[in-house]
N, C-alpha and C. Protein backbone atom coordinates (compact mmCIF):
# COMPACT_ATOMS: atom_id res chain seq x y z
N MET A 1 117.22 125.40 106.25
CA MET A 1 116.01 124.92 105.77
C MET A 1 115.53 123.97 104.71
N PHE A 2 116.34 124.19 103.39
CA PHE A 2 116.52 123.90 102.41
C PHE A 2 117.36 123.11 102.84
N ASN A 3 117.73 121.93 103.59
CA ASN A 3 118.73 121.16 103.10
C ASN A 3 118.41 120.07 102.38
N LEU A 4 119.41 119.18 101.98
CA LEU A 4 118.82 118.11 101.02
C LEU A 4 117.82 117.08 101.63
N PRO A 5 117.81 116.75 102.81
CA PRO A 5 116.37 115.70 102.69
C PRO A 5 115.41 116.61 102.40
N ASN A 6 114.93 117.88 102.64
CA ASN A 6 114.25 119.04 102.52
C ASN A 6 113.64 118.73 101.00
N GLN A 7 114.97 118.79 100.20
CA GLN A 7 114.73 119.03 98.61
C GLN A 7 114.34 117.81 98.60
N LEU A 8 114.57 116.84 98.92
CA LEU A 8 114.20 115.50 98.72
C LEU A 8 112.63 115.60 98.25
N THR A 9 112.37 115.55 99.99
CA THR A 9 110.72 115.64 100.21
C THR A 9 109.78 116.95 99.21
N LEU A 10 110.71 117.84 98.34
CA LEU A 10 109.84 119.10 97.86
C LEU A 10 109.90 118.02 96.31
N LEU A 11 110.29 117.53 96.47
CA LEU A 11 110.84 116.91 95.15
C LEU A 11 109.57 116.03 94.81
N ARG A 12 109.97 114.89 95.80
CA ARG A 12 108.06 114.48 95.90
C ARG A 12 106.78 114.96 96.07
N ILE A 13 106.70 115.80 96.54
CA ILE A 13 105.27 116.99 96.18
C ILE A 13 105.10 117.68 94.59
N LEU A 14 106.37 117.97 94.17
CA LEU A 14 106.58 118.33 92.87
C LEU A 14 106.18 116.91 91.70
N LEU A 15 106.53 115.86 91.96
CA LEU A 15 106.16 115.02 91.28
C LEU A 15 105.11 114.25 91.12
N VAL A 16 104.46 115.01 92.26
CA VAL A 16 102.48 114.43 92.12
C VAL A 16 101.61 115.12 90.81
N PRO A 17 101.97 115.80 90.51
CA PRO A 17 101.43 116.84 89.00
C PRO A 17 101.58 116.13 87.79
N LEU A 18 102.73 115.63 87.96
CA LEU A 18 103.32 114.93 86.64
C LEU A 18 102.23 113.15 86.70
N ILE A 19 102.61 112.81 88.09
CA ILE A 19 102.38 111.45 88.15
C ILE A 19 100.57 111.98 87.77
N ILE A 20 100.03 112.42 88.17
CA ILE A 20 98.00 112.25 87.81
C ILE A 20 98.20 112.49 86.30
N VAL A 21 98.99 113.55 85.99
CA VAL A 21 98.79 114.08 84.03
C VAL A 21 99.11 112.57 83.84
N LEU A 22 100.36 111.96 84.15
CA LEU A 22 100.07 110.61 82.95
C LEU A 22 99.34 109.82 83.32
N LEU A 23 98.67 109.61 84.88
CA LEU A 23 97.69 108.77 84.91
C LEU A 23 96.41 109.02 84.12
N TYR A 24 95.76 110.44 83.68
CA TYR A 24 94.56 110.80 83.46
C TYR A 24 94.89 110.50 81.75
N TYR A 25 96.36 110.40 81.15
CA TYR A 25 96.39 110.29 79.70
C TYR A 25 96.82 108.92 79.80
N GLU A 26 95.82 107.68 80.21
CA GLU A 26 96.36 106.35 80.65
C GLU A 26 96.65 105.63 79.10
N GLY A 27 97.56 105.06 79.07
CA GLY A 27 97.58 103.75 78.20
C GLY A 27 98.62 103.14 79.09
N ARG A 28 99.49 102.19 78.50
CA ARG A 28 100.43 101.33 78.33
C ARG A 28 101.81 102.17 78.94
N ALA A 29 101.91 103.29 78.15
CA ALA A 29 103.18 103.92 78.38
C ALA A 29 103.23 104.94 79.46
N THR A 30 102.19 105.49 79.38
CA THR A 30 101.82 106.65 80.48
C THR A 30 101.66 106.01 81.84
N CYS A 31 101.25 105.00 81.58
CA CYS A 31 101.18 104.63 83.50
C CYS A 31 102.39 104.00 83.55
N LEU A 32 103.03 103.25 82.57
CA LEU A 32 104.67 102.95 83.58
C LEU A 32 105.50 103.91 83.52
N ILE A 33 105.05 105.04 83.05
CA ILE A 33 105.79 106.19 83.03
C ILE A 33 105.74 106.95 84.71
N ALA A 34 104.21 106.94 84.94
CA ALA A 34 103.92 107.30 85.96
C ALA A 34 104.06 106.30 87.26
N THR A 35 103.91 105.06 87.07
CA THR A 35 104.18 104.03 87.86
C THR A 35 105.65 104.55 88.55
N PHE A 36 106.85 104.97 87.47
CA PHE A 36 108.39 104.91 87.70
C PHE A 36 108.46 105.87 88.70
N CYS A 37 107.64 107.12 88.21
CA CYS A 37 107.79 108.30 88.95
C CYS A 37 107.62 108.14 89.91
N PHE A 38 106.37 107.78 90.67
CA PHE A 38 105.74 107.49 91.73
C PHE A 38 106.60 106.91 92.48
N MET A 39 107.44 105.36 91.90
CA MET A 39 108.49 104.77 92.72
C MET A 39 109.86 105.89 93.03
N LEU A 40 109.80 106.58 92.44
CA LEU A 40 111.05 107.75 92.67
C LEU A 40 110.19 108.50 93.32
N ALA A 41 109.00 108.96 93.70
CA ALA A 41 108.72 109.85 94.64
C ALA A 41 109.03 108.91 95.76
N CYS A 42 108.41 107.58 95.74
CA CYS A 42 108.48 106.77 97.16
C CYS A 42 109.80 106.92 97.73
N PHE A 43 110.68 106.74 97.17
CA PHE A 43 112.13 106.27 97.16
C PHE A 43 112.83 107.73 97.71
N THR A 44 112.39 108.61 97.42
CA THR A 44 112.54 109.73 98.00
C THR A 44 112.06 109.68 99.78
N ASP A 45 110.87 109.54 99.59
CA ASP A 45 110.35 108.91 101.00
C ASP A 45 111.38 108.29 101.99
N PHE A 46 111.69 107.56 101.93
CA PHE A 46 113.33 106.41 102.47
C PHE A 46 114.30 107.15 102.95
N LEU A 47 114.74 108.12 101.53
CA LEU A 47 116.19 108.42 101.23
C LEU A 47 116.27 109.86 101.89
N ASP A 48 114.86 110.93 102.25
CA ASP A 48 115.00 112.06 102.94
C ASP A 48 115.30 111.65 104.56
N GLY A 49 114.42 110.88 104.61
CA GLY A 49 114.82 110.02 106.08
C GLY A 49 116.03 109.81 106.84
N TYR A 50 116.55 108.79 105.97
CA TYR A 50 117.77 108.35 106.28
C TYR A 50 119.13 109.30 106.02
N ILE A 51 118.73 110.51 105.23
CA ILE A 51 120.11 111.22 105.40
C ILE A 51 119.78 112.00 106.15
N ALA A 52 118.78 112.69 106.48
CA ALA A 52 118.42 113.64 107.93
C ALA A 52 118.54 113.04 109.16
N ARG A 53 118.40 111.64 109.56
CA ARG A 53 118.73 110.88 110.91
C ARG A 53 120.61 110.48 110.60
N ARG A 54 121.05 110.42 109.71
CA ARG A 54 122.45 109.79 109.68
C ARG A 54 123.02 111.26 109.57
N SER A 55 122.75 112.24 108.97
CA SER A 55 123.92 113.64 109.05
C SER A 55 123.41 114.40 110.16
N ASN A 56 122.22 113.81 110.89
CA ASN A 56 121.52 114.85 111.89
C ASN A 56 121.62 116.24 111.57
N ILE A 57 120.11 116.55 110.50
CA ILE A 57 119.72 117.27 110.07
C ILE A 57 118.30 117.54 110.34
N VAL A 58 118.19 116.96 110.98
CA VAL A 58 116.05 116.60 110.96
C VAL A 58 115.84 118.14 111.38
N THR A 59 115.01 118.77 110.57
CA THR A 59 114.47 120.19 110.96
C THR A 59 112.64 120.11 111.25
N SER A 60 112.36 120.80 111.80
CA SER A 60 110.90 121.07 112.11
C SER A 60 110.28 121.33 110.37
N PHE A 61 110.83 121.99 109.73
CA PHE A 61 110.30 121.85 108.39
C PHE A 61 110.01 120.71 107.94
N GLY A 62 111.20 120.17 107.96
CA GLY A 62 110.80 118.64 107.39
C GLY A 62 110.01 117.65 108.29
N LYS A 63 110.35 117.74 109.57
CA LYS A 63 109.22 117.08 110.11
C LYS A 63 107.46 116.80 109.64
N PHE A 64 107.56 118.38 109.51
CA PHE A 64 106.00 118.99 109.00
C PHE A 64 105.82 118.02 107.60
N LEU A 65 106.93 118.77 106.50
CA LEU A 65 106.73 118.53 105.14
C LEU A 65 106.70 117.10 104.67
N ASP A 66 107.76 116.27 105.68
CA ASP A 66 107.78 114.60 105.01
C ASP A 66 106.80 114.12 104.83
N PRO A 67 105.49 113.96 106.41
CA PRO A 67 104.08 113.36 106.14
C PRO A 67 103.35 113.75 105.45
N LEU A 68 103.30 115.30 104.90
CA LEU A 68 102.61 116.02 104.02
C LEU A 68 102.61 115.65 102.94
N ALA A 69 103.77 115.58 102.38
CA ALA A 69 104.28 114.53 100.83
C ALA A 69 103.91 113.48 101.06
N ASP A 70 103.83 112.60 102.26
CA ASP A 70 103.29 111.44 101.87
C ASP A 70 101.89 111.28 101.43
N LYS A 71 101.40 112.06 102.40
CA LYS A 71 99.78 112.48 101.94
C LYS A 71 99.06 112.75 100.69
N VAL A 72 100.06 113.69 100.31
CA VAL A 72 99.75 114.24 99.23
C VAL A 72 99.87 113.57 97.80
N LEU A 73 100.78 112.50 97.94
CA LEU A 73 101.29 111.63 96.98
C LEU A 73 100.25 110.49 97.01
N VAL A 74 100.19 109.84 98.12
CA VAL A 74 99.63 108.52 98.50
C VAL A 74 97.79 109.03 97.82
N SER A 75 96.96 110.46 98.59
CA SER A 75 95.72 110.76 98.28
C SER A 75 95.32 111.26 96.69
N SER A 76 96.12 111.74 96.25
CA SER A 76 96.44 111.87 94.82
C SER A 76 96.51 110.86 93.89
N VAL A 77 97.15 109.95 93.96
CA VAL A 77 97.13 108.61 93.21
C VAL A 77 95.67 108.14 93.28
N LEU A 78 95.54 107.62 94.88
CA LEU A 78 94.14 107.14 95.08
C LEU A 78 93.03 108.00 94.24
N LEU A 79 93.19 109.07 94.28
CA LEU A 79 91.91 110.16 93.80
C LEU A 79 91.89 109.59 92.50
N VAL A 80 92.68 109.94 91.43
CA VAL A 80 92.89 110.06 90.10
C VAL A 80 92.22 108.24 89.68
N LEU A 81 92.80 107.02 90.67
CA LEU A 81 92.59 105.92 90.60
C LEU A 81 91.06 105.35 90.41
N VAL A 82 90.51 106.28 91.52
CA VAL A 82 88.98 106.30 91.70
C VAL A 82 88.18 107.17 90.53
N GLU A 83 88.74 108.09 90.47
CA GLU A 83 88.42 108.61 88.95
C GLU A 83 88.24 107.57 87.35
N LEU A 84 89.50 107.16 87.86
CA LEU A 84 89.53 106.35 86.44
C LEU A 84 88.87 104.76 86.61
N HIS A 85 88.47 104.52 87.73
CA HIS A 85 87.44 103.25 88.24
C HIS A 85 88.09 102.11 88.31
N TRP A 86 89.15 102.26 88.53
CA TRP A 86 90.17 101.30 88.94
C TRP A 86 90.15 101.12 90.38
N ILE A 87 89.95 101.67 91.26
CA ILE A 87 89.78 101.32 92.50
C ILE A 87 88.27 101.70 93.14
N ALA A 88 87.62 101.15 94.49
CA ALA A 88 86.53 101.59 94.94
C ALA A 88 86.67 103.13 95.57
N SER A 89 85.78 103.81 95.58
CA SER A 89 86.03 105.40 95.99
C SER A 89 85.64 105.02 97.48
N TRP A 90 85.09 104.47 98.22
CA TRP A 90 85.15 104.07 99.86
C TRP A 90 86.47 103.96 100.31
N ILE A 91 87.46 102.74 99.65
CA ILE A 91 88.94 102.55 100.06
C ILE A 91 89.47 104.09 100.35
N ALA A 92 89.38 104.62 99.22
CA ALA A 92 90.24 106.30 98.88
C ALA A 92 89.51 107.27 100.66
N ILE A 93 88.44 106.94 100.15
CA ILE A 93 87.50 107.70 101.46
C ILE A 93 88.75 107.42 103.03
N VAL A 94 88.25 106.15 103.19
CA VAL A 94 88.40 105.48 104.50
C VAL A 94 89.96 106.07 104.49
N ILE A 95 90.87 105.75 103.31
CA ILE A 95 92.46 105.92 103.78
C ILE A 95 92.96 107.65 103.87
N ILE A 96 92.05 108.53 102.98
CA ILE A 96 92.25 110.09 103.19
C ILE A 96 91.58 110.13 104.38
N CYS A 97 90.35 109.99 104.88
CA CYS A 97 89.41 110.22 105.97
C CYS A 97 90.60 110.21 107.27
N ARG A 98 90.94 109.00 107.11
CA ARG A 98 92.04 108.29 108.61
C ARG A 98 93.18 109.29 108.28
N ASP A 99 94.04 109.72 107.35
CA ASP A 99 94.76 110.25 107.55
C ASP A 99 94.55 111.87 107.76
N LEU A 100 93.51 112.87 107.27
CA LEU A 100 93.12 113.56 107.98
C LEU A 100 92.71 113.98 109.74
N ILE A 101 91.98 113.05 109.99
CA ILE A 101 91.48 112.98 111.57
C ILE A 101 93.25 112.86 112.13
N ILE A 102 93.75 111.79 111.67
CA ILE A 102 95.00 111.75 112.72
C ILE A 102 96.15 112.85 112.68
N THR A 103 95.80 113.70 110.98
CA THR A 103 96.67 114.93 110.82
C THR A 103 96.16 116.15 111.96
N GLY A 104 94.92 116.22 112.19
CA GLY A 104 94.02 117.06 113.22
C GLY A 104 94.50 116.67 114.46
N LEU A 105 94.56 115.35 115.11
CA LEU A 105 95.05 114.97 116.20
C LEU A 105 96.63 115.53 116.34
N ARG A 106 97.45 115.40 115.83
CA ARG A 106 98.80 115.82 116.19
C ARG A 106 98.73 117.25 116.13
N ALA A 107 98.22 117.99 115.53
CA ALA A 107 97.73 119.28 115.35
C ALA A 107 97.20 119.79 116.47
N ILE A 108 96.43 119.14 117.18
CA ILE A 108 95.49 119.31 118.86
C ILE A 108 97.13 118.82 119.70
N ALA A 109 97.54 118.05 119.30
CA ALA A 109 98.49 117.52 120.36
C ALA A 109 99.56 118.42 120.34
N ALA A 110 100.64 118.85 119.42
CA ALA A 110 100.98 119.65 118.70
C ALA A 110 101.07 121.37 119.87
N ASP A 111 99.72 121.60 119.73
CA ASP A 111 99.21 122.66 120.42
C ASP A 111 99.51 122.87 121.53
N GLU A 112 99.10 121.74 122.26
CA GLU A 112 99.95 121.46 123.78
C GLU A 112 100.84 120.89 123.87
N GLY A 113 102.14 121.12 123.24
CA GLY A 113 103.65 120.93 123.16
C GLY A 113 103.48 119.40 123.52
N ILE A 114 102.68 118.48 122.98
CA ILE A 114 102.87 117.03 122.95
C ILE A 114 103.17 116.67 121.44
N VAL A 115 104.40 115.99 121.44
CA VAL A 115 105.15 115.36 120.03
C VAL A 115 104.10 114.20 119.72
N MET A 116 103.10 113.93 118.78
CA MET A 116 102.89 112.42 118.45
C MET A 116 103.55 111.61 117.13
N ALA A 117 104.55 111.04 117.42
CA ALA A 117 105.88 110.80 116.09
C ALA A 117 104.93 109.62 115.69
N ALA A 118 105.18 109.55 114.12
CA ALA A 118 104.98 108.27 113.57
C ALA A 118 105.21 106.67 114.11
N ASP A 119 104.38 106.21 114.48
CA ASP A 119 104.58 104.56 115.35
C ASP A 119 105.00 103.98 113.99
N LYS A 120 105.26 102.79 114.36
CA LYS A 120 105.46 101.41 113.48
C LYS A 120 104.51 100.88 112.40
N PHE A 121 103.32 101.15 113.24
CA PHE A 121 102.58 100.87 112.54
C PHE A 121 102.11 101.84 111.48
N GLY A 122 102.02 103.43 111.60
CA GLY A 122 101.84 104.33 110.68
C GLY A 122 103.08 104.21 109.53
N LYS A 123 104.17 104.06 110.26
CA LYS A 123 105.20 103.81 108.90
C LYS A 123 104.82 102.81 108.17
N LEU A 124 104.22 101.55 109.06
CA LEU A 124 104.53 100.51 107.95
C LEU A 124 103.32 100.71 106.98
N LYS A 125 101.90 101.74 107.15
CA LYS A 125 100.74 101.65 106.11
C LYS A 125 100.98 102.51 105.28
N THR A 126 101.92 103.75 105.81
CA THR A 126 102.61 104.33 104.33
C THR A 126 102.94 103.20 103.32
N ILE A 127 103.97 102.60 103.74
CA ILE A 127 105.06 101.62 102.93
C ILE A 127 103.80 100.78 102.24
N LEU A 128 102.88 99.94 102.84
CA LEU A 128 101.86 99.54 102.51
C LEU A 128 101.31 99.85 101.41
N GLN A 129 100.88 100.79 101.51
CA GLN A 129 99.79 101.61 100.99
C GLN A 129 100.63 102.25 99.59
N MET A 130 101.73 102.54 99.70
CA MET A 130 102.49 102.79 98.21
C MET A 130 102.75 101.61 97.38
N ILE A 131 103.47 100.37 98.25
CA ILE A 131 103.47 99.27 97.75
C ILE A 131 102.26 98.60 96.81
N ALA A 132 100.94 99.31 97.20
CA ALA A 132 99.58 98.47 96.86
C ALA A 132 99.44 99.37 95.37
N LEU A 133 99.77 100.50 95.43
CA LEU A 133 99.46 101.93 94.54
C LEU A 133 100.34 100.90 93.52
N VAL A 134 101.73 100.38 93.39
CA VAL A 134 102.36 100.21 91.78
C VAL A 134 101.42 99.33 91.16
N PRO A 135 101.35 98.31 91.76
CA PRO A 135 100.41 97.33 90.25
C PRO A 135 98.90 97.78 90.08
N LEU A 136 98.49 98.89 90.69
CA LEU A 136 97.41 99.47 90.55
C LEU A 136 97.82 100.29 89.40
N MET A 137 98.90 101.23 89.64
CA MET A 137 99.00 102.49 88.43
C MET A 137 99.33 101.67 87.27
N ILE A 138 100.27 100.44 87.40
CA ILE A 138 100.73 99.77 86.34
C ILE A 138 99.55 99.40 85.16
N HIS A 139 98.51 98.78 85.92
CA HIS A 139 96.98 98.55 85.55
C HIS A 139 97.22 98.06 84.00
N TYR A 140 98.12 97.79 83.86
CA TYR A 140 97.79 96.75 82.05
C TYR A 140 98.54 95.71 82.51
N PRO A 141 98.24 94.32 81.67
CA PRO A 141 98.92 93.42 81.79
C PRO A 141 100.45 93.61 80.95
N TRP A 142 101.31 92.98 81.57
CA TRP A 142 102.67 93.06 80.79
C TRP A 142 102.89 91.27 81.37
N PHE A 143 103.69 90.94 80.48
CA PHE A 143 104.02 89.62 79.85
C PHE A 143 102.65 88.62 80.10
N GLY A 144 101.62 88.84 80.02
CA GLY A 144 100.44 88.02 80.22
C GLY A 144 100.47 88.20 81.77
N VAL A 145 100.77 89.32 82.34
CA VAL A 145 100.48 89.25 84.00
C VAL A 145 99.60 90.40 84.50
N ASP A 146 98.13 89.71 84.59
CA ASP A 146 97.71 91.13 85.41
C ASP A 146 97.67 91.82 86.31
N PRO A 147 98.60 93.21 86.86
CA PRO A 147 99.11 93.07 88.13
C PRO A 147 97.76 93.93 89.08
N GLU A 148 96.36 93.79 88.19
CA GLU A 148 95.17 94.92 89.18
C GLU A 148 95.08 93.95 90.43
N PRO A 149 94.78 92.36 90.15
CA PRO A 149 94.34 91.64 91.21
C PRO A 149 95.33 91.81 92.77
N VAL A 150 96.47 91.54 92.27
CA VAL A 150 97.63 92.12 93.27
C VAL A 150 97.68 93.18 93.75
N GLY A 151 97.86 94.23 93.21
CA GLY A 151 97.16 95.44 93.51
C GLY A 151 95.95 95.67 94.44
N GLN A 152 94.64 95.48 94.13
CA GLN A 152 93.79 95.20 94.74
C GLN A 152 93.93 94.22 96.21
N PHE A 153 94.81 93.05 96.21
CA PHE A 153 94.80 92.56 97.56
C PHE A 153 95.60 93.48 98.44
N LEU A 154 96.95 93.75 97.84
CA LEU A 154 97.60 94.38 98.83
C LEU A 154 96.92 95.64 99.20
N LEU A 155 95.93 96.48 98.58
CA LEU A 155 95.43 97.50 98.79
C LEU A 155 94.03 97.27 100.09
N TYR A 156 93.43 96.17 99.69
CA TYR A 156 92.94 95.83 101.37
C TYR A 156 93.51 95.39 102.43
N ILE A 157 94.77 94.71 102.52
CA ILE A 157 95.88 94.98 103.44
C ILE A 157 95.94 95.99 104.12
N ALA A 158 96.32 97.30 103.21
CA ALA A 158 96.76 98.14 103.35
C ALA A 158 95.56 99.02 104.00
N LEU A 159 94.18 99.01 103.55
CA LEU A 159 93.10 99.33 104.34
C LEU A 159 93.32 98.87 105.93
N VAL A 160 92.89 97.73 105.97
CA VAL A 160 93.00 97.03 107.32
C VAL A 160 94.01 97.96 108.23
N LEU A 161 95.33 97.90 107.44
CA LEU A 161 96.57 98.44 108.93
C LEU A 161 96.22 99.86 108.57
N THR A 162 95.51 100.75 107.69
CA THR A 162 95.47 102.08 107.75
C THR A 162 94.25 102.28 109.06
N VAL A 163 93.34 101.76 108.89
CA VAL A 163 92.13 101.71 109.80
C VAL A 163 92.83 101.11 111.31
N PHE A 164 93.42 100.01 111.55
CA PHE A 164 93.95 99.62 112.55
C PHE A 164 94.92 100.81 113.09
N SER A 165 95.99 101.51 112.31
CA SER A 165 97.06 102.38 112.86
C SER A 165 96.24 103.80 113.22
N GLY A 166 95.19 104.07 112.51
CA GLY A 166 94.53 105.20 112.87
C GLY A 166 93.52 105.11 114.08
N CYS A 167 93.22 103.65 114.77
CA CYS A 167 92.60 103.74 116.09
C CYS A 167 93.86 103.37 116.82
N ASN A 168 94.74 103.00 116.62
CA ASN A 168 96.12 102.93 117.84
C ASN A 168 96.07 104.76 118.23
N TYR A 169 96.12 105.19 116.77
CA TYR A 169 96.32 106.62 117.09
C TYR A 169 95.56 107.28 117.94
N LEU A 170 94.19 107.07 117.21
CA LEU A 170 93.17 107.41 118.18
C LEU A 170 93.56 107.18 120.06
N LEU A 171 93.63 106.09 120.06
CA LEU A 171 93.94 105.35 121.60
C LEU A 171 94.84 106.04 122.41
N LYS A 172 95.97 106.42 121.56
CA LYS A 172 97.05 106.94 122.23
C LYS A 172 97.02 108.36 122.43
N PHE A 173 96.46 109.27 121.66
CA PHE A 173 95.96 110.30 121.68
C PHE A 173 94.91 110.44 123.01
N TYR A 174 93.80 109.57 122.90
CA TYR A 174 92.83 109.62 124.28
C TYR A 174 93.86 109.61 125.38
N ARG A 175 94.49 108.94 125.96
CA ARG A 175 95.18 108.42 126.79
C ARG A 175 96.43 109.85 126.84
N ILE A 176 96.91 109.92 126.03
CA ILE A 176 97.71 111.33 126.58
C ILE A 176 96.42 112.20 126.57
N TRP A 177 95.75 112.89 126.03
CA TRP A 177 94.72 113.89 126.44
C TRP A 177 93.77 113.12 128.04
N ALA A 178 93.68 112.31 127.92
CA ALA A 178 92.82 112.27 129.40
C ALA A 178 93.90 112.39 130.44
N GLY A 179 95.14 111.86 130.36
CA GLY A 179 96.33 112.24 131.33
C GLY A 179 96.41 113.82 131.47
N ASN A 180 96.50 114.68 130.94
CA ASN A 180 96.93 115.87 130.25
C ASN A 180 95.72 116.70 131.07
N HIS A 181 94.63 116.22 130.79
CA HIS A 181 93.03 117.07 131.28
C HIS A 181 92.19 116.15 132.54
N GLY A 182 92.64 114.71 133.07
CA GLY A 182 91.78 114.14 133.73
C GLY A 182 92.51 115.26 135.27
N SER A 183 93.59 115.67 135.38
CA SER A 183 93.88 116.04 136.70
C SER A 183 93.26 117.76 136.99
N SER A 184 92.74 118.07 135.65
CA SER A 184 92.03 119.52 135.71
C SER A 184 90.69 119.39 136.60
N ARG A 185 89.87 118.31 136.39
CA ARG A 185 88.95 118.29 137.28
C ARG A 185 88.12 118.75 138.06
């Protein structure tokens, strides 16, 4: 259960409180350190999956914990950025609600013995969300470059992809659900 990929996933979760504290004590240095910790956490997301697949040590615990760690990481940063008034609250609400809805649908499907794995759009939206959060967390201009407009632009693209992938999951769930329950009428 506590193989290297799962340890990396746990590290991602353990980095979240540090990132939050650093962002709350906002300043050029703390935002930069928080961003570095966030990027390290994001790298563990890639690394744990790569190691698990390459070493053939994919576990049920890892399948559960990995997407949860992503949601904890991204949602926590979004909420701190809302608190700091660096992003609009409605954006965080849409992203977090989409993740809660899809997590709920996956739980319902799992209860029926159906696995709804992350598809390419779900994986891409997570990557884009993480990329968008980096310049937003840096926040302060460096070398005369303001990262905030780039972060905002990327966040809107991530938001569109988040809604699209959520609709895609809803449609996939409906088709599976209707197929499994349509014949019992």
